[in-house]
């Protein structure tokens, strides 16, 4: 009888421990799912190209100045802790040269996007759940952010502003947030 009582007591204790463990496991799984949801966020980092060469006003596709080249390299330093999955640029010398140091730091190619059709369905699907750098212009960068936000929150950048960093996060349930930081 004593053996049976001990066996029943062990089974009850084991059952209690299992239930506690199961509850603890559920809590851990919820934390993992919450983290996964965070991992599935799409995060866009948008910058304007660095300073362009303005010595020839007739040049339609100028390169970066020495200061612009230094700024592009500095962007790579500022964003070194960000692991980018993709790097996009418009098809201009100044934007591609601004994107290149960051692309190289992440072992990526610079992909070209059409500034006339920026945030289309294909782009959204391709970048979903990714961390993406997008390099544009004084007018296209805020326009791109506004397209993601589905709201005209940001105006064109002043022509001498090359240090703005827009960060836009889209959650899996399509909640969107944005912030702007300036590095001058």
N, C-alpha and C. Protein backbone atom coordinates (compact mmCIF):
# COMPACT_ATOMS: atom_id res chain seq x y z
N UNK A 1 0.82 -1.18 0.00
CA UNK A 1 0.00 0.00 0.00
C UNK A 1 0.87 1.25 0.00
N UNK A 2 1.95 1.22 0.80
CA UNK A 2 2.84 2.35 0.86
C UNK A 2 3.48 2.61 -0.50
N UNK A 3 3.83 1.52 -1.23
CA UNK A 3 4.41 1.65 -2.56
C UNK A 3 3.43 2.31 -3.51
N UNK A 4 2.16 1.90 -3.44
CA UNK A 4 1.14 2.48 -4.31
C UNK A 4 0.94 3.97 -4.01
N UNK A 5 0.95 4.32 -2.73
CA UNK A 5 0.78 5.71 -2.34
C UNK A 5 1.96 6.55 -2.86
N UNK A 6 3.15 6.00 -2.74
CA UNK A 6 4.35 6.70 -3.25
C UNK A 6 4.26 6.87 -4.76
N UNK A 7 3.83 5.84 -5.44
CA UNK A 7 3.69 5.89 -6.90
C UNK A 7 2.65 6.94 -7.30
N UNK A 8 1.53 6.98 -6.59
CA UNK A 8 0.49 7.97 -6.89
C UNK A 8 1.01 9.37 -6.63
N UNK A 9 1.74 9.56 -5.53
CA UNK A 9 2.30 10.86 -5.19
C UNK A 9 3.31 11.31 -6.27
N UNK A 10 4.15 10.40 -6.72
CA UNK A 10 5.11 10.71 -7.77
C UNK A 10 4.38 11.10 -9.05
N UNK A 11 3.31 10.39 -9.39
CA UNK A 11 2.55 10.69 -10.61
C UNK A 11 1.89 12.06 -10.51
N UNK A 12 1.37 12.39 -9.31
CA UNK A 12 0.73 13.70 -9.12
C UNK A 12 1.77 14.81 -9.25
N UNK A 13 2.92 14.63 -8.62
CA UNK A 13 3.99 15.63 -8.71
C UNK A 13 4.49 15.76 -10.14
N UNK A 14 4.65 14.66 -10.80
CA UNK A 14 5.10 14.70 -12.20
C UNK A 14 4.09 15.43 -13.06
N UNK A 15 2.81 15.17 -12.79
CA UNK A 15 1.75 15.84 -13.54
C UNK A 15 1.78 17.35 -13.30
N UNK A 16 1.99 17.75 -12.04
CA UNK A 16 2.08 19.18 -11.72
C UNK A 16 3.28 19.80 -12.41
N UNK A 17 4.41 19.11 -12.37
CA UNK A 17 5.60 19.64 -13.04
C UNK A 17 5.38 19.74 -14.53
N UNK A 18 4.69 18.77 -15.12
CA UNK A 18 4.42 18.80 -16.55
C UNK A 18 3.54 20.00 -16.90
N UNK A 19 2.50 20.21 -16.07
CA UNK A 19 1.62 21.34 -16.33
C UNK A 19 2.37 22.66 -16.20
N UNK A 20 3.21 22.76 -15.19
CA UNK A 20 3.99 23.97 -15.02
C UNK A 20 4.94 24.15 -16.20
N UNK A 21 5.55 23.05 -16.62
CA UNK A 21 6.47 23.10 -17.74
C UNK A 21 5.72 23.46 -19.02
N UNK A 22 4.53 22.90 -19.20
CA UNK A 22 3.74 23.18 -20.38
C UNK A 22 3.35 24.66 -20.42
N UNK A 23 2.96 25.20 -19.25
CA UNK A 23 2.62 26.62 -19.17
C UNK A 23 3.84 27.47 -19.48
N UNK A 24 4.96 27.10 -18.92
CA UNK A 24 6.21 27.81 -19.17
C UNK A 24 6.58 27.73 -20.65
N UNK A 25 6.41 26.55 -21.24
CA UNK A 25 6.69 26.37 -22.66
C UNK A 25 5.79 27.26 -23.51
N UNK A 26 4.52 27.36 -23.14
CA UNK A 26 3.60 28.22 -23.89
C UNK A 26 4.06 29.67 -23.83
N UNK A 27 4.52 30.07 -22.63
CA UNK A 27 5.01 31.44 -22.47
C UNK A 27 6.23 31.68 -23.36
N UNK A 28 7.14 30.72 -23.36
CA UNK A 28 8.34 30.82 -24.19
C UNK A 28 7.96 30.85 -25.66
N UNK A 29 7.02 29.98 -26.06
CA UNK A 29 6.59 29.96 -27.46
C UNK A 29 5.95 31.29 -27.86
N UNK A 30 5.19 31.89 -26.95
CA UNK A 30 4.60 33.19 -27.26
C UNK A 30 5.70 34.23 -27.46
N UNK A 31 6.72 34.20 -26.61
CA UNK A 31 7.83 35.13 -26.78
C UNK A 31 8.53 34.91 -28.12
N UNK A 32 8.71 33.65 -28.50
CA UNK A 32 9.34 33.33 -29.78
C UNK A 32 8.47 33.83 -30.93
N UNK A 33 7.17 33.62 -30.85
CA UNK A 33 6.26 34.09 -31.90
C UNK A 33 6.27 35.61 -32.00
N UNK A 34 6.28 36.27 -30.83
CA UNK A 34 6.35 37.73 -30.84
C UNK A 34 7.65 38.19 -31.49
N UNK A 35 8.74 37.49 -31.18
CA UNK A 35 10.03 37.82 -31.79
C UNK A 35 10.00 37.55 -33.28
N UNK A 36 9.38 36.44 -33.67
CA UNK A 36 9.27 36.12 -35.10
C UNK A 36 8.50 37.20 -35.82
N UNK A 37 7.43 37.67 -35.19
CA UNK A 37 6.65 38.74 -35.81
C UNK A 37 7.54 39.96 -36.01
N UNK A 38 8.39 40.25 -35.02
CA UNK A 38 9.32 41.36 -35.18
C UNK A 38 10.31 41.07 -36.31
N UNK A 39 10.75 39.82 -36.38
CA UNK A 39 11.69 39.45 -37.44
C UNK A 39 11.05 39.57 -38.81
N UNK A 40 9.76 39.43 -38.90
CA UNK A 40 9.07 39.49 -40.18
C UNK A 40 8.71 40.92 -40.57
N UNK A 41 9.08 41.89 -39.74
CA UNK A 41 8.87 43.28 -40.14
C UNK A 41 9.66 43.57 -41.41
N UNK A 42 9.13 44.46 -42.19
CA UNK A 42 9.88 45.00 -43.33
C UNK A 42 10.38 46.36 -42.88
N UNK A 43 11.67 46.57 -43.00
CA UNK A 43 12.24 47.85 -42.59
C UNK A 43 12.95 48.47 -43.78
N UNK A 44 12.52 49.68 -44.10
CA UNK A 44 13.11 50.43 -45.20
C UNK A 44 13.94 51.58 -44.63
N UNK A 45 15.16 51.69 -45.07
CA UNK A 45 16.03 52.83 -44.77
C UNK A 45 16.14 53.61 -46.07
N UNK A 46 15.73 54.85 -46.06
CA UNK A 46 15.73 55.65 -47.29
C UNK A 46 16.61 56.87 -47.10
N UNK A 47 17.51 57.08 -48.05
CA UNK A 47 18.38 58.25 -48.02
C UNK A 47 18.40 58.90 -49.40
N UNK A 48 18.74 60.16 -49.38
CA UNK A 48 18.96 60.88 -50.63
C UNK A 48 20.43 60.68 -51.01
N UNK A 49 20.71 60.74 -52.29
CA UNK A 49 22.10 60.63 -52.74
C UNK A 49 22.97 61.70 -52.07
N UNK A 50 24.25 61.42 -51.99
CA UNK A 50 25.21 62.38 -51.42
C UNK A 50 25.42 63.54 -52.40
N UNK A 51 26.25 64.49 -51.99
CA UNK A 51 26.47 65.72 -52.77
C UNK A 51 26.97 65.41 -54.18
N UNK A 52 26.27 66.01 -55.14
CA UNK A 52 26.62 65.78 -56.55
C UNK A 52 27.45 66.93 -57.09
N UNK A 53 28.18 66.64 -58.15
CA UNK A 53 29.00 67.64 -58.83
C UNK A 53 28.08 68.57 -59.62
N UNK A 54 28.12 69.85 -59.29
CA UNK A 54 27.26 70.84 -59.94
C UNK A 54 28.06 71.78 -60.86
N UNK A 55 29.28 71.42 -61.17
CA UNK A 55 30.12 72.33 -61.97
C UNK A 55 29.63 72.49 -63.40
N UNK A 56 28.96 71.48 -63.94
CA UNK A 56 28.43 71.57 -65.31
C UNK A 56 26.91 71.45 -65.24
N UNK A 57 26.20 72.59 -65.28
CA UNK A 57 24.74 72.57 -65.17
C UNK A 57 24.04 71.77 -66.27
N UNK A 58 24.71 71.55 -67.40
CA UNK A 58 24.09 70.79 -68.48
C UNK A 58 24.22 69.28 -68.29
N UNK A 59 25.05 68.87 -67.33
CA UNK A 59 25.24 67.43 -67.06
C UNK A 59 23.97 66.87 -66.41
N UNK A 60 23.36 65.90 -67.10
CA UNK A 60 22.10 65.32 -66.61
C UNK A 60 22.32 64.20 -65.59
N UNK A 61 23.53 63.63 -65.58
CA UNK A 61 23.81 62.52 -64.68
C UNK A 61 25.18 62.71 -64.01
N UNK A 62 25.26 63.74 -63.14
CA UNK A 62 26.56 64.03 -62.53
C UNK A 62 26.99 62.96 -61.52
N UNK A 63 28.28 62.93 -61.29
CA UNK A 63 28.87 62.04 -60.29
C UNK A 63 28.89 62.77 -58.96
N UNK A 64 29.36 62.08 -57.94
CA UNK A 64 29.50 62.70 -56.62
C UNK A 64 30.75 63.56 -56.56
N UNK A 65 30.70 64.59 -55.73
CA UNK A 65 31.88 65.38 -55.43
C UNK A 65 32.74 64.60 -54.43
N UNK A 66 33.89 65.11 -54.10
CA UNK A 66 34.73 64.48 -53.08
C UNK A 66 33.98 64.42 -51.74
N UNK A 67 33.29 65.51 -51.42
CA UNK A 67 32.48 65.54 -50.18
C UNK A 67 31.38 64.49 -50.27
N UNK A 68 30.77 64.35 -51.44
CA UNK A 68 29.73 63.34 -51.64
C UNK A 68 30.26 61.92 -51.48
N UNK A 69 31.45 61.67 -52.00
CA UNK A 69 32.07 60.35 -51.86
C UNK A 69 32.32 60.05 -50.38
N UNK A 70 32.79 61.06 -49.65
CA UNK A 70 33.03 60.87 -48.21
C UNK A 70 31.71 60.62 -47.47
N UNK A 71 30.64 61.35 -47.89
CA UNK A 71 29.35 61.12 -47.23
C UNK A 71 28.85 59.69 -47.51
N UNK A 72 29.00 59.23 -48.73
CA UNK A 72 28.57 57.86 -49.07
C UNK A 72 29.33 56.84 -48.21
N UNK A 73 30.62 57.05 -48.03
CA UNK A 73 31.41 56.17 -47.17
C UNK A 73 30.97 56.29 -45.72
N UNK A 74 30.62 57.51 -45.31
CA UNK A 74 30.15 57.71 -43.95
C UNK A 74 28.81 57.01 -43.71
N UNK A 75 27.92 57.01 -44.73
CA UNK A 75 26.65 56.29 -44.58
C UNK A 75 26.93 54.82 -44.27
N UNK A 76 27.93 54.25 -44.92
CA UNK A 76 28.28 52.84 -44.66
C UNK A 76 28.72 52.67 -43.21
N UNK A 77 29.41 53.65 -42.66
CA UNK A 77 29.82 53.58 -41.25
C UNK A 77 28.62 53.75 -40.31
N UNK A 78 27.78 54.73 -40.62
CA UNK A 78 26.60 54.99 -39.79
C UNK A 78 25.69 53.77 -39.75
N UNK A 79 25.56 53.09 -40.89
CA UNK A 79 24.63 51.96 -41.00
C UNK A 79 25.33 50.60 -40.90
N UNK A 80 26.55 50.58 -40.36
CA UNK A 80 27.31 49.32 -40.33
C UNK A 80 26.66 48.24 -39.47
N UNK A 81 25.87 48.62 -38.49
CA UNK A 81 25.22 47.64 -37.61
C UNK A 81 23.94 47.08 -38.21
N UNK A 82 23.52 47.63 -39.33
CA UNK A 82 22.29 47.16 -39.99
C UNK A 82 22.67 46.10 -41.02
N UNK A 83 22.04 44.95 -40.93
CA UNK A 83 22.28 43.89 -41.92
C UNK A 83 21.23 44.01 -43.02
N UNK A 84 21.62 44.58 -44.12
CA UNK A 84 20.69 44.77 -45.22
C UNK A 84 20.54 43.49 -46.03
N UNK A 85 19.32 43.24 -46.47
CA UNK A 85 19.03 42.12 -47.37
C UNK A 85 19.06 42.57 -48.82
N UNK A 86 18.79 43.86 -49.05
CA UNK A 86 18.72 44.40 -50.40
C UNK A 86 19.11 45.87 -50.37
N UNK A 87 19.70 46.31 -51.47
CA UNK A 87 20.04 47.73 -51.64
C UNK A 87 19.52 48.17 -53.00
N UNK A 88 18.70 49.22 -52.99
CA UNK A 88 18.11 49.76 -54.21
C UNK A 88 18.58 51.18 -54.46
N UNK A 89 18.64 51.53 -55.73
CA UNK A 89 19.01 52.86 -56.16
C UNK A 89 18.27 53.18 -57.45
N UNK A 90 18.08 54.48 -57.69
CA UNK A 90 17.63 54.88 -59.03
C UNK A 90 18.83 54.70 -59.96
N UNK A 91 18.61 54.77 -61.24
CA UNK A 91 19.66 54.49 -62.22
C UNK A 91 20.44 55.75 -62.59
N UNK A 92 21.05 56.38 -61.59
CA UNK A 92 21.86 57.57 -61.79
C UNK A 92 23.21 57.36 -61.10
N UNK A 93 24.24 57.98 -61.67
CA UNK A 93 25.58 57.85 -61.09
C UNK A 93 25.61 58.21 -59.61
N UNK A 94 24.98 59.33 -59.24
CA UNK A 94 25.05 59.83 -57.87
C UNK A 94 24.35 58.92 -56.87
N UNK A 95 23.23 58.31 -57.27
CA UNK A 95 22.52 57.42 -56.34
C UNK A 95 23.24 56.08 -56.24
N UNK A 96 23.69 55.56 -57.36
CA UNK A 96 24.41 54.28 -57.33
C UNK A 96 25.71 54.40 -56.54
N UNK A 97 26.42 55.53 -56.69
CA UNK A 97 27.66 55.73 -55.95
C UNK A 97 27.40 55.90 -54.45
N UNK A 98 26.25 56.45 -54.09
CA UNK A 98 25.90 56.58 -52.68
C UNK A 98 25.54 55.22 -52.09
N UNK A 99 24.88 54.39 -52.85
CA UNK A 99 24.46 53.07 -52.38
C UNK A 99 25.60 52.06 -52.32
N UNK A 100 26.58 52.22 -53.18
CA UNK A 100 27.63 51.20 -53.36
C UNK A 100 28.40 50.84 -52.08
N UNK A 101 28.88 51.78 -51.27
CA UNK A 101 29.63 51.37 -50.07
C UNK A 101 28.80 50.51 -49.11
N UNK A 102 27.52 50.80 -49.01
CA UNK A 102 26.65 50.01 -48.12
C UNK A 102 26.40 48.64 -48.73
N UNK A 103 26.17 48.59 -50.04
CA UNK A 103 25.97 47.31 -50.72
C UNK A 103 27.22 46.44 -50.55
N UNK A 104 28.39 47.03 -50.77
CA UNK A 104 29.63 46.26 -50.64
C UNK A 104 29.84 45.76 -49.21
N UNK A 105 29.51 46.59 -48.22
CA UNK A 105 29.67 46.19 -46.82
C UNK A 105 28.75 45.02 -46.47
N UNK A 106 27.66 44.86 -47.23
CA UNK A 106 26.70 43.77 -46.98
C UNK A 106 26.80 42.67 -48.03
N UNK A 107 27.84 42.72 -48.87
CA UNK A 107 28.03 41.73 -49.95
C UNK A 107 26.80 41.62 -50.84
N UNK A 108 26.28 42.77 -51.24
CA UNK A 108 25.08 42.82 -52.07
C UNK A 108 25.35 43.59 -53.36
N UNK A 109 24.53 43.36 -54.34
CA UNK A 109 24.53 44.16 -55.56
C UNK A 109 23.53 45.29 -55.38
N UNK A 110 23.79 46.40 -56.03
CA UNK A 110 22.83 47.50 -56.05
C UNK A 110 21.80 47.18 -57.11
N UNK A 111 20.54 47.10 -56.68
CA UNK A 111 19.45 46.85 -57.62
C UNK A 111 18.82 48.19 -58.00
N UNK A 112 18.36 48.29 -59.23
CA UNK A 112 17.77 49.53 -59.74
C UNK A 112 16.25 49.46 -59.60
N UNK A 113 15.67 50.56 -59.12
CA UNK A 113 14.20 50.66 -59.09
C UNK A 113 13.76 51.83 -59.96
N UNK A 114 12.55 51.73 -60.43
CA UNK A 114 11.97 52.77 -61.28
C UNK A 114 11.32 53.82 -60.40
N UNK A 115 11.87 55.03 -60.40
CA UNK A 115 11.35 56.08 -59.54
C UNK A 115 9.95 56.53 -59.94
N UNK A 116 9.51 56.18 -61.14
CA UNK A 116 8.15 56.53 -61.58
C UNK A 116 7.13 55.49 -61.09
N UNK A 117 7.61 54.33 -60.65
CA UNK A 117 6.72 53.26 -60.18
C UNK A 117 7.36 52.63 -58.94
N UNK A 118 7.49 53.43 -57.89
CA UNK A 118 8.32 53.07 -56.75
C UNK A 118 7.80 51.91 -55.91
N UNK A 119 6.69 52.10 -55.28
CA UNK A 119 6.23 51.15 -54.25
C UNK A 119 5.09 50.29 -54.81
N UNK A 120 5.38 49.62 -55.90
CA UNK A 120 4.35 48.79 -56.53
C UNK A 120 4.24 47.43 -55.83
N UNK A 121 3.26 46.64 -56.23
CA UNK A 121 3.01 45.33 -55.60
C UNK A 121 4.21 44.40 -55.70
N UNK A 122 4.86 44.40 -56.84
CA UNK A 122 6.02 43.54 -57.03
C UNK A 122 7.13 43.91 -56.05
N UNK A 123 7.39 45.20 -55.91
CA UNK A 123 8.41 45.67 -54.97
C UNK A 123 8.04 45.28 -53.54
N UNK A 124 6.78 45.46 -53.18
CA UNK A 124 6.33 45.13 -51.83
C UNK A 124 6.51 43.64 -51.53
N UNK A 125 6.16 42.80 -52.48
CA UNK A 125 6.31 41.35 -52.30
C UNK A 125 7.78 40.95 -52.20
N UNK A 126 8.59 41.53 -53.06
CA UNK A 126 10.01 41.19 -53.10
C UNK A 126 10.73 41.60 -51.82
N UNK A 127 10.31 42.70 -51.20
CA UNK A 127 10.99 43.22 -50.02
C UNK A 127 10.31 42.82 -48.69
N UNK A 128 9.22 42.13 -48.75
CA UNK A 128 8.46 41.78 -47.55
C UNK A 128 9.34 40.99 -46.57
N UNK A 129 9.36 41.46 -45.33
CA UNK A 129 10.13 40.80 -44.28
C UNK A 129 11.63 41.07 -44.35
N UNK A 130 12.04 41.98 -45.20
CA UNK A 130 13.46 42.26 -45.43
C UNK A 130 13.85 43.60 -44.81
N UNK A 131 15.15 43.81 -44.74
CA UNK A 131 15.71 45.10 -44.36
C UNK A 131 16.35 45.67 -45.61
N UNK A 132 15.86 46.83 -46.04
CA UNK A 132 16.17 47.33 -47.38
C UNK A 132 16.66 48.78 -47.32
N UNK A 133 17.74 49.06 -48.05
CA UNK A 133 18.19 50.43 -48.25
C UNK A 133 17.69 50.91 -49.60
N UNK A 134 17.16 52.13 -49.63
CA UNK A 134 16.68 52.73 -50.88
C UNK A 134 17.31 54.11 -51.00
N UNK A 135 18.04 54.32 -52.09
CA UNK A 135 18.69 55.61 -52.32
C UNK A 135 17.96 56.31 -53.45
N UNK A 136 17.58 57.55 -53.18
CA UNK A 136 16.83 58.32 -54.17
C UNK A 136 17.28 59.76 -54.22
N UNK A 137 16.34 60.65 -54.40
CA UNK A 137 16.60 62.06 -54.67
C UNK A 137 15.82 62.93 -53.68
N UNK A 138 16.00 64.25 -53.78
CA UNK A 138 15.34 65.17 -52.85
C UNK A 138 13.83 65.09 -52.93
N UNK A 139 13.31 64.71 -54.10
CA UNK A 139 11.85 64.59 -54.24
C UNK A 139 11.38 63.14 -54.15
N UNK A 140 12.16 62.20 -54.67
CA UNK A 140 11.68 60.81 -54.69
C UNK A 140 11.79 60.11 -53.34
N UNK A 141 12.77 60.50 -52.53
CA UNK A 141 12.91 59.84 -51.22
C UNK A 141 11.70 60.11 -50.32
N UNK A 142 11.31 61.38 -50.11
CA UNK A 142 10.09 61.60 -49.31
C UNK A 142 8.84 61.04 -49.99
N UNK A 143 8.79 61.08 -51.31
CA UNK A 143 7.63 60.53 -52.03
C UNK A 143 7.54 59.02 -51.81
N UNK A 144 8.68 58.35 -51.79
CA UNK A 144 8.70 56.90 -51.55
C UNK A 144 8.20 56.60 -50.13
N UNK A 145 8.69 57.38 -49.16
CA UNK A 145 8.23 57.21 -47.77
C UNK A 145 6.73 57.42 -47.69
N UNK A 146 6.24 58.47 -48.32
CA UNK A 146 4.80 58.76 -48.31
C UNK A 146 4.00 57.63 -48.96
N UNK A 147 4.54 57.02 -50.01
CA UNK A 147 3.85 55.90 -50.66
C UNK A 147 3.73 54.72 -49.71
N UNK A 148 4.78 54.45 -48.95
CA UNK A 148 4.73 53.35 -47.98
C UNK A 148 3.72 53.68 -46.89
N UNK A 149 3.75 54.92 -46.42
CA UNK A 149 2.84 55.34 -45.35
C UNK A 149 1.39 55.49 -45.81
N UNK A 150 1.20 55.60 -47.14
CA UNK A 150 -0.11 55.90 -47.71
C UNK A 150 -0.66 57.21 -47.14
N UNK A 151 0.26 58.17 -47.02
CA UNK A 151 -0.06 59.45 -46.42
C UNK A 151 1.03 60.45 -46.81
N UNK A 152 0.64 61.66 -47.17
CA UNK A 152 1.64 62.67 -47.53
C UNK A 152 2.15 63.37 -46.28
N UNK A 153 3.03 62.68 -45.58
CA UNK A 153 3.59 63.18 -44.33
C UNK A 153 4.83 64.04 -44.55
N UNK A 154 5.63 63.71 -45.55
CA UNK A 154 6.91 64.38 -45.76
C UNK A 154 6.93 65.17 -47.07
N UNK A 155 7.53 66.35 -47.00
CA UNK A 155 7.71 67.23 -48.16
C UNK A 155 9.06 66.92 -48.82
N UNK A 156 9.24 67.43 -50.04
CA UNK A 156 10.53 67.29 -50.70
C UNK A 156 11.62 67.87 -49.80
N UNK A 157 12.81 67.29 -49.91
CA UNK A 157 13.94 67.78 -49.14
C UNK A 157 14.52 69.03 -49.78
N UNK A 158 15.06 69.93 -48.98
CA UNK A 158 15.76 71.08 -49.57
C UNK A 158 16.93 70.58 -50.42
N UNK A 159 17.27 71.33 -51.44
CA UNK A 159 18.29 70.88 -52.38
C UNK A 159 19.66 70.67 -51.74
N UNK A 160 19.91 71.32 -50.62
CA UNK A 160 21.21 71.17 -49.96
C UNK A 160 21.18 70.15 -48.81
N UNK A 161 20.09 69.40 -48.67
CA UNK A 161 19.96 68.41 -47.59
C UNK A 161 20.32 67.02 -48.11
N UNK A 162 21.46 66.51 -47.68
CA UNK A 162 21.90 65.18 -48.10
C UNK A 162 22.08 64.24 -46.91
N UNK A 163 21.70 64.67 -45.71
CA UNK A 163 21.96 63.86 -44.53
C UNK A 163 20.74 63.29 -43.84
N UNK A 164 19.59 63.29 -44.51
CA UNK A 164 18.38 62.75 -43.90
C UNK A 164 18.27 61.25 -44.08
N UNK A 165 17.93 60.57 -43.00
CA UNK A 165 17.71 59.12 -43.02
C UNK A 165 16.29 58.86 -42.56
N UNK A 166 15.48 58.33 -43.46
CA UNK A 166 14.10 57.95 -43.14
C UNK A 166 14.11 56.45 -42.83
N UNK A 167 13.48 56.08 -41.73
CA UNK A 167 13.35 54.66 -41.38
C UNK A 167 11.86 54.36 -41.29
N UNK A 168 11.41 53.43 -42.11
CA UNK A 168 10.00 53.07 -42.16
C UNK A 168 9.89 51.58 -41.87
N UNK A 169 9.03 51.23 -40.92
CA UNK A 169 8.82 49.83 -40.54
C UNK A 169 7.38 49.45 -40.85
N UNK A 170 7.23 48.32 -41.52
CA UNK A 170 5.91 47.77 -41.83
C UNK A 170 5.82 46.42 -41.13
N UNK A 171 4.85 46.28 -40.22
CA UNK A 171 4.68 45.02 -39.50
C UNK A 171 3.92 44.02 -40.38
N UNK A 172 3.94 42.74 -40.00
CA UNK A 172 3.19 41.75 -40.79
C UNK A 172 1.69 42.05 -40.90
N UNK A 173 1.13 42.77 -39.91
CA UNK A 173 -0.29 43.13 -40.00
C UNK A 173 -0.46 44.55 -40.57
N UNK A 174 0.58 45.02 -41.31
CA UNK A 174 0.54 46.27 -42.08
C UNK A 174 0.42 47.54 -41.25
N UNK A 175 0.89 47.52 -40.01
CA UNK A 175 1.02 48.76 -39.25
C UNK A 175 2.34 49.39 -39.68
N UNK A 176 2.29 50.68 -39.97
CA UNK A 176 3.45 51.38 -40.52
C UNK A 176 3.86 52.51 -39.58
N UNK A 177 5.16 52.61 -39.33
CA UNK A 177 5.68 53.72 -38.55
C UNK A 177 6.90 54.29 -39.27
N UNK A 178 7.19 55.55 -38.98
CA UNK A 178 8.34 56.18 -39.62
C UNK A 178 9.02 57.14 -38.66
N UNK A 179 10.28 57.36 -38.95
CA UNK A 179 11.05 58.37 -38.23
C UNK A 179 12.12 58.92 -39.17
N UNK A 180 12.61 60.12 -38.86
CA UNK A 180 13.66 60.74 -39.66
C UNK A 180 14.79 61.14 -38.72
N UNK A 181 15.99 60.81 -39.14
CA UNK A 181 17.20 61.20 -38.42
C UNK A 181 18.06 62.00 -39.38
N UNK A 182 18.83 62.95 -38.84
CA UNK A 182 19.69 63.76 -39.71
C UNK A 182 21.15 63.60 -39.29
N UNK A 183 22.00 63.34 -40.26
CA UNK A 183 23.44 63.19 -40.07
C UNK A 183 24.13 64.19 -40.96
N UNK A 184 24.58 65.29 -40.40
CA UNK A 184 25.26 66.32 -41.19
C UNK A 184 26.67 66.53 -40.74
